[in-house]
PDB file of N, CA and C in Angstrom:
ATOM      1  N   UNK A   1      21.472  14.601  11.321  1.00  0.00           N
ATOM      2  CA  UNK A   1      20.054  14.192  11.320  1.00  0.00           C
ATOM      3  C   UNK A   1      19.872  12.961  10.418  1.00  0.00           C
ATOM      4  N   UNK A   2      19.054  12.044  10.888  1.00  0.00           N
ATOM      5  CA  UNK A   2      18.785  10.835  10.113  1.00  0.00           C
ATOM      6  C   UNK A   2      17.431  10.969   9.418  1.00  0.00           C
ATOM      7  N   UNK A   3      17.481  11.352   8.158  1.00  0.00           N
ATOM      8  CA  UNK A   3      16.242  11.530   7.392  1.00  0.00           C
ATOM      9  C   UNK A   3      15.804  10.224   6.723  1.00  0.00           C
ATOM     10  N   UNK A   4      16.703   9.258   6.663  1.00  0.00           N
ATOM     11  CA  UNK A   4      16.413   8.000   5.969  1.00  0.00           C
ATOM     12  C   UNK A   4      15.230   7.260   6.556  1.00  0.00           C
ATOM     13  N   UNK A   5      15.169   7.190   7.903  1.00  0.00           N
ATOM     14  CA  UNK A   5      14.129   6.388   8.541  1.00  0.00           C
ATOM     15  C   UNK A   5      12.720   6.926   8.268  1.00  0.00           C
ATOM     16  N   UNK A   6      12.433   8.210   8.540  1.00  0.00           N
ATOM     17  CA  UNK A   6      11.078   8.716   8.287  1.00  0.00           C
ATOM     18  C   UNK A   6      10.680   8.635   6.817  1.00  0.00           C
ATOM     19  N   UNK A   7      11.644   8.844   5.930  1.00  0.00           N
ATOM     20  CA  UNK A   7      11.349   8.749   4.496  1.00  0.00           C
ATOM     21  C   UNK A   7      10.982   7.317   4.131  1.00  0.00           C
ATOM     22  N   UNK A   8      11.741   6.361   4.653  1.00  0.00           N
ATOM     23  CA  UNK A   8      11.472   4.954   4.365  1.00  0.00           C
ATOM     24  C   UNK A   8      10.107   4.544   4.904  1.00  0.00           C
ATOM     25  N   UNK A   9       9.772   5.013   6.116  1.00  0.00           N
ATOM     26  CA  UNK A   9       8.480   4.690   6.723  1.00  0.00           C
ATOM     27  C   UNK A   9       7.342   5.274   5.895  1.00  0.00           C
ATOM     28  N   UNK A  10       7.508   6.525   5.455  1.00  0.00           N
ATOM     29  CA  UNK A  10       6.478   7.169   4.641  1.00  0.00           C
ATOM     30  C   UNK A  10       6.304   6.425   3.325  1.00  0.00           C
ATOM     31  N   UNK A  11       7.417   6.035   2.710  1.00  0.00           N
ATOM     32  CA  UNK A  11       7.374   5.319   1.439  1.00  0.00           C
ATOM     33  C   UNK A  11       6.692   3.963   1.616  1.00  0.00           C
ATOM     34  N   UNK A  12       7.029   3.273   2.705  1.00  0.00           N
ATOM     35  CA  UNK A  12       6.392   1.992   2.990  1.00  0.00           C
ATOM     36  C   UNK A  12       4.893   2.162   3.172  1.00  0.00           C
ATOM     37  N   UNK A  13       4.496   3.242   3.852  1.00  0.00           N
ATOM     38  CA  UNK A  13       3.081   3.513   4.063  1.00  0.00           C
ATOM     39  C   UNK A  13       2.345   3.709   2.754  1.00  0.00           C
ATOM     40  N   UNK A  14       2.976   4.449   1.837  1.00  0.00           N
ATOM     41  CA  UNK A  14       2.360   4.685   0.526  1.00  0.00           C
ATOM     42  C   UNK A  14       2.229   3.376  -0.246  1.00  0.00           C
ATOM     43  N   UNK A  15       3.307   2.592  -0.266  1.00  0.00           N
ATOM     44  CA  UNK A  15       3.299   1.310  -0.983  1.00  0.00           C
ATOM     45  C   UNK A  15       2.244   0.385  -0.381  1.00  0.00           C
ATOM     46  N   UNK A  16       2.181   0.324   0.954  1.00  0.00           N
ATOM     47  CA  UNK A  16       1.213  -0.526   1.637  1.00  0.00           C
ATOM     48  C   UNK A  16      -0.202  -0.134   1.238  1.00  0.00           C
ATOM     49  N   UNK A  17      -0.450   1.182   1.159  1.00  0.00           N
ATOM     50  CA  UNK A  17      -1.756   1.708   0.782  1.00  0.00           C
ATOM     51  C   UNK A  17      -2.127   1.267  -0.627  1.00  0.00           C
ATOM     52  N   UNK A  18      -1.175   1.388  -1.556  1.00  0.00           N
ATOM     53  CA  UNK A  18      -1.421   1.009  -2.954  1.00  0.00           C
ATOM     54  C   UNK A  18      -1.691  -0.493  -3.050  1.00  0.00           C
ATOM     55  N   UNK A  19      -0.853  -1.289  -2.391  1.00  0.00           N
ATOM     56  CA  UNK A  19      -1.015  -2.745  -2.437  1.00  0.00           C
ATOM     57  C   UNK A  19      -2.359  -3.131  -1.835  1.00  0.00           C
ATOM     58  N   UNK A  20      -2.683  -2.530  -0.682  1.00  0.00           N
ATOM     59  CA  UNK A  20      -3.927  -2.831   0.010  1.00  0.00           C
ATOM     60  C   UNK A  20      -5.119  -2.516  -0.882  1.00  0.00           C
ATOM     61  N   UNK A  21      -5.073  -1.377  -1.558  1.00  0.00           N
ATOM     62  CA  UNK A  21      -6.168  -0.956  -2.432  1.00  0.00           C
ATOM     63  C   UNK A  21      -6.292  -1.906  -3.618  1.00  0.00           C
ATOM     64  N   UNK A  22      -5.169  -2.300  -4.188  1.00  0.00           N
ATOM     65  CA  UNK A  22      -5.168  -3.208  -5.338  1.00  0.00           C
ATOM     66  C   UNK A  22      -5.732  -4.564  -4.934  1.00  0.00           C
ATOM     67  N   UNK A  23      -5.324  -5.065  -3.775  1.00  0.00           N
ATOM     68  CA  UNK A  23      -5.809  -6.352  -3.298  1.00  0.00           C
ATOM     69  C   UNK A  23      -7.311  -6.304  -3.060  1.00  0.00           C
ATOM     70  N   UNK A  24      -7.781  -5.226  -2.443  1.00  0.00           N
ATOM     71  CA  UNK A  24      -9.205  -5.070  -2.172  1.00  0.00           C
ATOM     72  C   UNK A  24      -9.990  -5.042  -3.481  1.00  0.00           C
ATOM     73  N   UNK A  25      -9.459  -4.340  -4.480  1.00  0.00           N
ATOM     74  CA  UNK A  25     -10.117  -4.260  -5.785  1.00  0.00           C
ATOM     75  C   UNK A  25     -10.146  -5.635  -6.447  1.00  0.00           C
ATOM     76  N   UNK A  26      -9.057  -6.379  -6.334  1.00  0.00           N
ATOM     77  CA  UNK A  26      -8.985  -7.708  -6.928  1.00  0.00           C
ATOM     78  C   UNK A  26      -9.976  -8.655  -6.258  1.00  0.00           C
ATOM     79  N   UNK A  27     -10.086  -8.561  -4.934  1.00  0.00           N
ATOM     80  CA  UNK A  27     -11.027  -9.402  -4.190  1.00  0.00           C
ATOM     81  C   UNK A  27     -12.458  -9.050  -4.579  1.00  0.00           C
ATOM     82  N   UNK A  28     -12.758  -7.760  -4.653  1.00  0.00           N
ATOM     83  CA  UNK A  28     -14.097  -7.317  -5.033  1.00  0.00           C
ATOM     84  C   UNK A  28     -14.423  -7.792  -6.448  1.00  0.00           C
ATOM     85  N   UNK A  29     -13.433  -7.720  -7.330  1.00  0.00           N
ATOM     86  CA  UNK A  29     -13.618  -8.166  -8.714  1.00  0.00           C
ATOM     87  C   UNK A  29     -13.901  -9.667  -8.751  1.00  0.00           C
ATOM     88  N   UNK A  30     -13.217 -10.422  -7.908  1.00  0.00           N
ATOM     89  CA  UNK A  30     -13.397 -11.874  -7.862  1.00  0.00           C
ATOM     90  C   UNK A  30     -14.783 -12.214  -7.317  1.00  0.00           C
ATOM     91  N   UNK A  31     -15.216 -11.485  -6.291  1.00  0.00           N
ATOM     92  CA  UNK A  31     -16.540 -11.711  -5.716  1.00  0.00           C
ATOM     93  C   UNK A  31     -17.633 -11.348  -6.713  1.00  0.00           C
ATOM     94  N   UNK A  32     -17.344 -10.360  -7.553  1.00  0.00           N
ATOM     95  CA  UNK A  32     -18.327  -9.882  -8.521  1.00  0.00           C
ATOM     96  C   UNK A  32     -18.533 -10.897  -9.644  1.00  0.00           C
ATOM     97  N   UNK A  33     -17.546 -11.793  -9.836  1.00  0.00           N
ATOM     98  CA  UNK A  33     -17.623 -12.751 -10.933  1.00  0.00           C
ATOM     99  C   UNK A  33     -18.827 -13.655 -10.782  1.00  0.00           C
TER     100      UNK A  33
END
C-alpha cells in the first residue's frame, strides 16, 4: 500500500490552509492601515 501520497496531499492541504489564512490576515491588516 502506498500511504505516502494521501499523507502528502493531506499535509499540503493543511499547509495551504495556513498560508491562505495568513495571507488573508496580512491583506486585511494592510487594508485596515
